[in-house]
Amino acid sequence: MWRLAVSNLVQDNVRLLISVGGVALALTLVLFFDAVFAGAQGRLTAYIDHAGADVWVSQQGVRTMHMSASALPASVTDQVRAVPGVGEAVPILYAEDMVRAKGKEYIAYVFGVPDGAPFGGPWRIVAGAAAPGPGEVIIDRAIATQAGLRVGDRVTVLGQQMRIAGLTSGTSSLVSAATFVRMDDFARVRGGGAVVSFVLVKVQPGESPSVVAARLAQRVSGVTVQTREQFAAQERKLVGDMSADIITIMNTAGFLTGLAVIALTMYIATLGRRKEYGVLKAIGVRNGRLYQIVVLQALLSVGLGLIAGLGLTLLLGVLIPRVNEFIVLSVSTASVVRVTVVSAAIAGVAALLPARQLAGLEPVAVIRRG
C-alpha cells in the first residue's frame, strides 16, 4: 500500500508540486504567526533574563517592570548586601520613556546603571563603548537602524540631549527596546532624592537563589523579593493578560485561514486523482484500502508541505531581523507539534470527503468522468 500510494502521488509532478506548495504556504502562514508572537514574548523579559541577577528586590507589592513603578530608599541596597548568601547587589533606576531622534519617537525601557557595576548593564555590544559615560547613552541597534543613527550622534532620552556611546543588540521587541544611561545622569534628571527602582542580587557560589530570596524577604522590610524566574514569569503573565484577546484573535484567524487552505488543497488534489482511483477499483482494490491510500497520500503531502513550510519559516526568521530587528521569530517545538497534528487531521478528513463519493461509483463510470 505504501508503494502504491507513493507511486500514485508522484505520478504527476506538477499536481504534486501544486498540492505540496499550497500546504507549505498555508503552514508557513500558521507557523509565522506563532513564531512572531513567541519571539515577541521571549524578548519581553530580555533584560530580566540577561541582566545577571539571580534575585530581584523591588518596592513592596511591585512584581513586574512593565506598567509598574518601583521606588526604594537607596539604603535598602546596604541592607540587602548584609543578608547572608548575597554575593553582590547592584541598585538600578528604571523608567519607560522615549528615545527621540530626527523627529521620531521610539518606546524605550531606560535603565540607569552605576559606574563599574559588575552586572545590570548591556550584555551584547555591537558597536562603540560597553558602558555609557557622563551625558552618554547606549541604545539598541534596532532603533539606530530605523532612525539612521550611529555612534557619536545625539538623541533625547529622559528629556535630555545625550550622545550615543554604543549600540547593543538583542533587547528590542515589537514596539520597544532597552536603553542604558549612567545612574548619576538618570538620578539628576529625575530628581526625587536617594531612591532606586530595583536592587539586583547575585547570590554567592553554592547558594540557592530561592533560599536567599526567602532570607531577604524576612530580613529586609518593605520590599518584594523574587527570583529571576519568578520575576520573568510575572512579567510574561502581565503582558500576556493585557494582549491576550488581540493575540488570540490574530493567531486564530491565521490558524483557521491556513487550515482552510490545507483542506481546500487536499480536497482538490484528491478529486484530481479520481481517474487513478477508478483504475484502482477496476483492478479490485476495495473501498477500505482505497480510503487508506487516500489518507496516506494526504499525510505524505502534509508531511512534505510541513518540511517546506518549516524551512521557509526558519529562513524568514533569519532574514526578517536583518531588515527589521524589532521583529524576532521563534519557532517552538510545541507550535510545530500542534500544527502537525491539526493539519494532518484536517487533510485526512478533506481527502476522505471526495474519496467517499468516488468509492460509491462504478470503476468504469469514474474513468469515463475523469
Protein backbone atom coordinates (compact mmCIF):
# COMPACT_ATOMS: atom_id res chain seq x y z
CA MET A 1 0.00 0.00 0.00
CA TRP A 2 2.85 2.39 0.82
CA ARG A 3 4.49 1.86 -2.58
CA LEU A 4 1.16 2.21 -4.36
CA ALA A 5 0.33 5.44 -2.53
CA VAL A 6 3.74 6.96 -3.26
CA SER A 7 3.75 5.98 -6.94
CA ASN A 8 0.25 7.38 -7.40
CA LEU A 9 1.25 10.57 -5.59
CA VAL A 10 4.35 11.28 -7.68
CA GLN A 11 2.79 10.23 -10.98
CA ASP A 12 2.02 13.86 -11.87
CA ASN A 13 4.85 16.12 -10.66
CA VAL A 14 3.01 19.34 -11.44
CA ARG A 15 -0.03 18.28 -9.42
CA LEU A 16 2.23 17.14 -6.60
CA LEU A 17 4.09 20.46 -6.62
CA ILE A 18 0.85 22.43 -6.52
CA SER A 19 -0.64 20.43 -3.64
CA VAL A 20 2.56 20.40 -1.58
CA GLY A 21 3.19 24.08 -2.36
CA GLY A 22 -0.32 25.04 -1.24
CA VAL A 23 0.11 23.14 2.02
CA ALA A 24 3.58 24.63 2.54
CA LEU A 25 2.37 28.21 2.12
CA ALA A 26 -0.60 27.59 4.42
CA LEU A 27 1.59 26.06 7.12
CA THR A 28 4.12 28.87 6.72
CA LEU A 29 1.33 31.33 7.49
CA VAL A 30 0.37 29.43 10.63
CA LEU A 31 3.94 28.90 11.83
CA PHE A 32 4.87 32.51 11.04
CA PHE A 33 2.15 33.97 13.28
CA ASP A 34 3.10 31.62 16.11
CA ALA A 35 6.79 32.44 15.67
CA VAL A 36 6.24 36.21 15.72
CA PHE A 37 4.24 36.09 18.94
CA ALA A 38 6.64 33.62 20.55
CA GLY A 39 9.58 35.82 19.61
CA ALA A 40 7.90 38.91 21.00
CA GLN A 41 7.13 37.16 24.28
CA GLY A 42 10.70 35.94 24.55
CA ARG A 43 12.06 39.48 24.17
CA LEU A 44 9.66 40.84 26.82
CA THR A 45 11.94 39.54 29.55
CA ALA A 46 15.25 40.03 27.71
CA TYR A 47 16.66 42.36 30.36
CA ILE A 48 15.47 40.22 33.26
CA ASP A 49 16.95 37.12 31.64
CA HIS A 50 20.33 38.68 30.76
CA ALA A 51 20.95 41.31 33.42
CA GLY A 52 22.89 38.78 35.51
CA ALA A 53 20.78 38.94 38.68
CA ASP A 54 19.66 35.79 40.47
CA VAL A 55 17.20 37.67 42.70
CA TRP A 56 15.26 40.91 42.19
CA VAL A 57 14.27 43.24 45.04
CA SER A 58 11.53 45.80 44.37
CA GLN A 59 9.10 48.02 46.22
CA GLN A 60 6.54 46.13 48.25
CA GLY A 61 3.69 44.96 46.03
CA VAL A 62 5.58 45.55 42.77
CA ARG A 63 6.08 42.27 40.93
CA THR A 64 6.68 43.44 37.35
CA MET A 65 8.61 46.06 35.42
CA HIS A 66 6.04 46.69 32.71
CA MET A 67 3.30 49.16 33.67
CA SER A 68 4.80 49.42 37.16
CA ALA A 69 6.76 51.94 39.22
CA SER A 70 9.11 50.78 41.95
CA ALA A 71 10.79 53.18 44.39
CA LEU A 72 13.06 52.05 47.22
CA PRO A 73 15.25 54.05 49.61
CA ALA A 74 18.85 53.81 48.46
CA SER A 75 19.73 52.48 51.92
CA VAL A 76 17.94 49.22 51.03
CA THR A 77 20.96 48.26 48.93
CA ASP A 78 23.19 48.10 52.02
CA GLN A 79 20.55 46.11 53.89
CA VAL A 80 20.44 43.64 51.01
CA ARG A 81 24.24 43.29 50.95
CA ALA A 82 24.25 42.43 54.67
CA VAL A 83 21.99 39.38 54.23
CA PRO A 84 23.88 36.04 54.32
CA GLY A 85 24.17 34.41 50.90
CA VAL A 86 24.22 37.68 48.95
CA GLY A 87 27.34 37.88 46.81
CA GLU A 88 26.78 41.23 45.07
CA ALA A 89 23.97 43.77 44.99
CA VAL A 90 23.55 46.42 42.29
CA PRO A 91 20.92 49.18 42.51
CA ILE A 92 19.39 50.43 39.26
CA LEU A 93 16.92 53.09 38.21
CA TYR A 94 14.26 52.27 35.65
CA ALA A 95 11.55 54.08 33.69
CA GLU A 96 9.56 53.73 30.50
CA ASP A 97 10.40 56.65 28.26
CA MET A 98 11.01 57.68 24.65
CA VAL A 99 14.15 57.89 22.57
CA ARG A 100 13.67 60.90 20.31
CA ALA A 101 15.78 61.43 17.21
CA LYS A 102 15.27 63.16 13.87
CA GLY A 103 11.66 63.99 14.64
CA LYS A 104 10.69 60.42 15.51
CA GLU A 105 9.98 58.69 18.82
CA TYR A 106 10.78 55.14 19.89
CA ILE A 107 9.45 53.49 23.04
CA ALA A 108 12.30 52.50 25.35
CA TYR A 109 12.88 50.90 28.73
CA VAL A 110 15.55 53.16 30.23
CA PHE A 111 17.93 51.69 32.81
CA GLY A 112 20.26 53.74 34.96
CA VAL A 113 23.23 51.59 35.98
CA PRO A 114 26.03 52.61 38.42
CA ASP A 115 29.52 53.16 37.03
CA GLY A 116 31.58 49.98 37.17
CA ALA A 117 28.60 47.76 38.05
CA PRO A 118 29.58 44.07 37.61
CA PHE A 119 26.20 43.32 36.03
CA GLY A 120 22.92 45.02 35.16
CA GLY A 121 24.20 46.81 32.06
CA PRO A 122 24.06 45.89 28.35
CA TRP A 123 25.19 42.35 27.63
CA ARG A 124 25.76 42.43 23.86
CA ILE A 125 27.55 45.46 22.47
CA VAL A 126 27.82 45.55 18.67
CA ALA A 127 29.42 48.99 18.27
CA GLY A 128 31.06 51.60 20.48
CA ALA A 129 31.58 51.56 24.23
CA ALA A 130 30.41 48.84 26.61
CA ALA A 131 29.20 51.38 29.20
CA PRO A 132 27.89 54.94 28.92
CA GLY A 133 29.94 57.85 30.22
CA PRO A 134 28.64 61.18 31.56
CA GLY A 135 25.94 62.53 29.25
CA GLU A 136 26.03 59.37 27.13
CA VAL A 137 23.53 56.65 26.27
CA ILE A 138 23.62 53.16 24.81
CA ILE A 139 20.66 52.32 22.58
CA ASP A 140 19.61 49.21 20.70
CA ARG A 141 20.78 48.81 17.12
CA ALA A 142 17.14 48.32 16.05
CA ILE A 143 16.36 51.94 16.97
CA ALA A 144 19.61 53.20 15.46
CA THR A 145 18.92 51.42 12.17
CA GLN A 146 15.38 52.74 11.83
CA ALA A 147 16.38 56.28 12.79
CA GLY A 148 19.58 56.31 10.73
CA LEU A 149 21.78 56.85 13.79
CA ARG A 150 25.32 55.80 14.62
CA VAL A 151 27.78 56.08 17.48
CA GLY A 152 28.50 59.74 18.19
CA ASP A 153 25.08 61.06 17.15
CA ARG A 154 22.83 62.73 19.68
CA VAL A 155 19.35 61.69 20.84
CA THR A 156 16.92 62.85 23.50
CA VAL A 157 16.40 60.47 26.44
CA LEU A 158 14.67 61.35 29.71
CA GLY A 159 14.18 64.82 28.26
CA GLN A 160 17.94 65.40 27.90
CA GLN A 161 20.21 65.50 24.86
CA MET A 162 22.71 62.62 25.10
CA ARG A 163 25.49 61.31 22.91
CA ILE A 164 25.25 57.72 21.65
CA ALA A 165 28.24 55.93 23.16
CA GLY A 166 27.41 52.44 21.92
CA LEU A 167 24.89 50.16 20.28
CA THR A 168 23.54 47.00 21.79
CA SER A 169 21.59 44.12 20.28
CA GLY A 170 19.02 41.60 21.44
CA THR A 171 16.94 43.96 23.62
CA SER A 172 14.27 45.02 21.11
CA SER A 173 10.74 43.65 20.85
CA LEU A 174 7.86 44.50 18.53
CA VAL A 175 7.44 48.01 19.96
CA SER A 176 10.29 48.79 22.35
CA ALA A 177 13.96 48.35 23.22
CA ALA A 178 16.25 48.72 26.23
CA THR A 179 18.31 51.89 26.67
CA PHE A 180 21.17 52.38 29.16
CA VAL A 181 22.45 55.54 30.85
CA ARG A 182 24.61 56.27 33.88
CA MET A 183 22.73 56.07 37.15
CA ASP A 184 24.01 59.53 38.15
CA ASP A 185 22.62 61.07 34.95
CA PHE A 186 19.29 59.30 35.46
CA ALA A 187 19.06 60.45 39.10
CA ARG A 188 19.97 64.05 38.25
CA VAL A 189 17.30 64.28 35.55
CA ARG A 190 14.54 62.66 37.56
CA GLY A 191 15.44 64.02 41.00
CA GLY A 192 13.47 62.66 43.93
CA GLY A 193 16.32 62.14 46.38
CA ALA A 194 18.23 58.97 47.20
CA VAL A 195 15.89 56.47 45.56
CA VAL A 196 16.47 53.35 43.48
CA SER A 197 13.99 51.31 41.46
CA PHE A 198 15.32 47.78 41.93
CA VAL A 199 18.21 46.03 43.62
CA LEU A 200 19.74 43.25 41.55
CA VAL A 201 21.26 40.45 43.58
CA LYS A 202 23.78 37.79 42.63
CA VAL A 203 23.98 35.04 45.22
CA GLN A 204 27.21 33.54 46.50
CA PRO A 205 28.52 30.34 44.87
CA GLY A 206 26.72 27.30 46.24
CA GLU A 207 23.73 29.29 47.47
CA SER A 208 20.22 28.71 46.16
CA PRO A 209 18.51 31.83 44.74
CA SER A 210 15.17 30.76 46.24
CA VAL A 211 16.72 30.31 49.69
CA VAL A 212 18.49 33.68 49.55
CA ALA A 213 15.26 35.29 48.30
CA ALA A 214 13.42 33.92 51.34
CA ARG A 215 16.11 35.34 53.66
CA LEU A 216 15.87 38.74 52.00
CA ALA A 217 12.09 38.77 52.37
CA GLN A 218 12.45 38.04 56.10
CA ARG A 219 15.25 40.49 56.91
CA VAL A 220 14.52 43.48 54.67
CA SER A 221 11.20 45.21 55.29
CA GLY A 222 9.00 46.99 52.77
CA VAL A 223 10.20 45.05 49.74
CA THR A 224 9.06 42.33 47.34
CA VAL A 225 11.68 39.68 46.63
CA GLN A 226 11.56 37.35 43.63
CA THR A 227 13.96 35.02 41.90
CA ARG A 228 14.79 35.78 38.28
CA GLU A 229 12.45 33.02 37.10
CA GLN A 230 9.57 34.28 39.25
CA PHE A 231 10.08 37.87 38.12
CA ALA A 232 10.18 36.89 34.42
CA ALA A 233 7.07 34.73 34.81
CA GLN A 234 5.15 37.62 36.39
CA GLU A 235 6.23 39.93 33.55
CA ARG A 236 5.09 37.50 30.86
CA LYS A 237 1.80 36.92 32.64
CA LEU A 238 1.04 40.63 32.90
CA VAL A 239 1.78 41.38 29.25
CA GLY A 240 0.01 38.19 28.19
CA ASP A 241 -3.12 39.18 30.12
CA MET A 242 -3.05 42.67 28.58
CA SER A 243 -2.70 41.44 25.00
CA ALA A 244 -4.33 38.02 25.22
CA ASP A 245 -7.51 38.92 23.34
CA ILE A 246 -5.92 40.58 20.33
CA ILE A 247 -3.17 37.95 20.09
CA THR A 248 -5.74 35.14 20.31
CA ILE A 249 -7.88 36.72 17.59
CA MET A 250 -4.96 37.28 15.22
CA ASN A 251 -3.44 33.88 15.88
CA THR A 252 -6.77 32.10 15.49
CA ALA A 253 -7.52 33.94 12.26
CA GLY A 254 -4.17 32.95 10.79
CA PHE A 255 -4.56 29.38 12.02
CA LEU A 256 -8.06 28.94 10.56
CA THR A 257 -7.03 30.53 7.28
CA GLY A 258 -4.12 28.15 6.97
CA LEU A 259 -6.26 25.12 7.78
CA ALA A 260 -8.91 26.20 5.26
CA VAL A 261 -6.25 26.39 2.55
CA ILE A 262 -4.96 22.94 3.51
CA ALA A 263 -8.48 21.47 3.43
CA LEU A 264 -9.24 23.00 0.02
CA THR A 265 -5.89 21.90 -1.38
CA MET A 266 -6.36 18.31 -0.25
CA TYR A 267 -9.96 18.23 -1.49
CA ILE A 268 -8.96 19.43 -4.96
CA ALA A 269 -5.88 17.20 -5.06
CA THR A 270 -7.99 14.13 -4.26
CA LEU A 271 -10.57 14.98 -6.93
CA GLY A 272 -7.72 15.49 -9.37
CA ARG A 273 -6.72 11.85 -8.94
CA ARG A 274 -10.20 10.43 -9.47
CA LYS A 275 -9.16 8.58 -12.63
CA GLU A 276 -6.31 6.85 -10.79
CA TYR A 277 -8.68 5.79 -8.02
CA GLY A 278 -11.08 4.44 -10.65
CA VAL A 279 -8.29 2.32 -12.06
CA LEU A 280 -7.52 1.03 -8.56
CA LYS A 281 -11.15 -0.02 -8.15
CA ALA A 282 -11.11 -1.64 -11.56
CA ILE A 283 -8.21 -3.89 -10.56
CA GLY A 284 -10.02 -5.00 -7.42
CA VAL A 285 -8.94 -2.58 -4.68
CA ARG A 286 -11.65 -2.48 -2.02
CA ASN A 287 -13.06 0.75 -0.63
CA GLY A 288 -11.35 0.29 2.74
CA ARG A 289 -7.95 0.02 1.07
CA LEU A 290 -8.83 2.96 -1.20
CA TYR A 291 -9.54 5.11 1.83
CA GLN A 292 -6.20 4.11 3.36
CA ILE A 293 -4.35 5.07 0.19
CA VAL A 294 -6.14 8.42 0.02
CA VAL A 295 -5.36 9.26 3.66
CA LEU A 296 -1.75 8.13 3.31
CA GLN A 297 -1.30 10.35 0.26
CA ALA A 298 -2.82 13.28 2.14
CA LEU A 299 -0.46 12.70 5.07
CA LEU A 300 2.53 12.48 2.73
CA SER A 301 1.52 15.77 1.13
CA VAL A 302 1.14 17.42 4.53
CA GLY A 303 4.47 16.00 5.64
CA LEU A 304 6.29 17.37 2.61
CA GLY A 305 4.43 20.67 2.97
CA LEU A 306 5.33 20.86 6.65
CA ILE A 307 9.02 20.35 5.91
CA ALA A 308 8.91 23.06 3.23
CA GLY A 309 6.82 25.40 5.41
CA LEU A 310 9.06 24.95 8.43
CA GLY A 311 12.14 25.57 6.31
CA LEU A 312 10.61 28.72 4.86
CA THR A 313 9.63 29.96 8.34
CA LEU A 314 13.14 29.35 9.67
CA LEU A 315 14.55 31.19 6.66
CA LEU A 316 12.23 34.14 7.37
CA GLY A 317 13.41 34.00 10.98
CA VAL A 318 16.95 34.66 9.74
CA LEU A 319 16.14 37.24 7.06
CA ILE A 320 13.48 39.43 8.71
CA PRO A 321 15.57 40.51 11.75
CA ARG A 322 18.25 41.66 9.32
CA VAL A 323 15.73 44.04 7.80
CA ASN A 324 13.85 44.94 11.00
CA GLU A 325 15.38 43.92 14.34
CA PHE A 326 12.17 44.75 16.17
CA ILE A 327 10.62 41.59 14.68
CA VAL A 328 12.02 38.35 16.07
CA LEU A 329 10.76 34.91 15.07
CA SER A 330 10.97 31.98 17.46
CA VAL A 331 9.66 28.61 16.26
CA SER A 332 8.78 26.43 19.23
CA THR A 333 8.52 22.65 19.29
CA ALA A 334 5.02 22.91 20.79
CA SER A 335 3.89 25.04 17.86
CA VAL A 336 5.28 22.59 15.30
CA VAL A 337 3.63 19.62 17.04
CA ARG A 338 0.27 21.40 17.29
CA VAL A 339 0.32 22.46 13.65
CA THR A 340 1.38 18.98 12.53
CA VAL A 341 -1.38 17.15 14.39
CA VAL A 342 -4.21 19.52 13.45
CA SER A 343 -3.19 19.93 9.80
CA ALA A 344 -2.82 16.16 9.37
CA ALA A 345 -6.31 15.61 10.77
CA ILE A 346 -7.83 18.31 8.56
CA ALA A 347 -6.03 17.00 5.48
CA GLY A 348 -7.21 13.45 6.13
CA VAL A 349 -10.85 14.50 6.51
CA ALA A 350 -10.69 16.80 3.46
CA ALA A 351 -9.26 13.99 1.34
CA LEU A 352 -11.81 11.41 2.52
CA LEU A 353 -14.83 13.52 1.53
CA PRO A 354 -14.34 13.23 -2.26
CA ALA A 355 -12.92 9.72 -1.84
CA ARG A 356 -16.24 8.60 -0.39
CA GLN A 357 -18.03 9.96 -3.43
CA LEU A 358 -15.65 8.16 -5.79
CA ALA A 359 -15.90 4.93 -3.81
CA GLY A 360 -19.64 4.78 -4.48
CA LEU A 361 -19.22 4.89 -8.26
CA GLU A 362 -18.54 2.08 -10.65
CA PRO A 363 -14.91 1.97 -11.84
CA VAL A 364 -15.89 2.42 -15.50
CA ALA A 365 -18.02 5.47 -14.65
CA VAL A 366 -15.17 7.05 -12.69
CA ILE A 367 -12.77 6.54 -15.60
CA ARG A 368 -15.22 7.97 -18.13
CA ARG A 369 -15.97 11.04 -15.99
CA GLY A 370 -12.28 11.63 -15.40
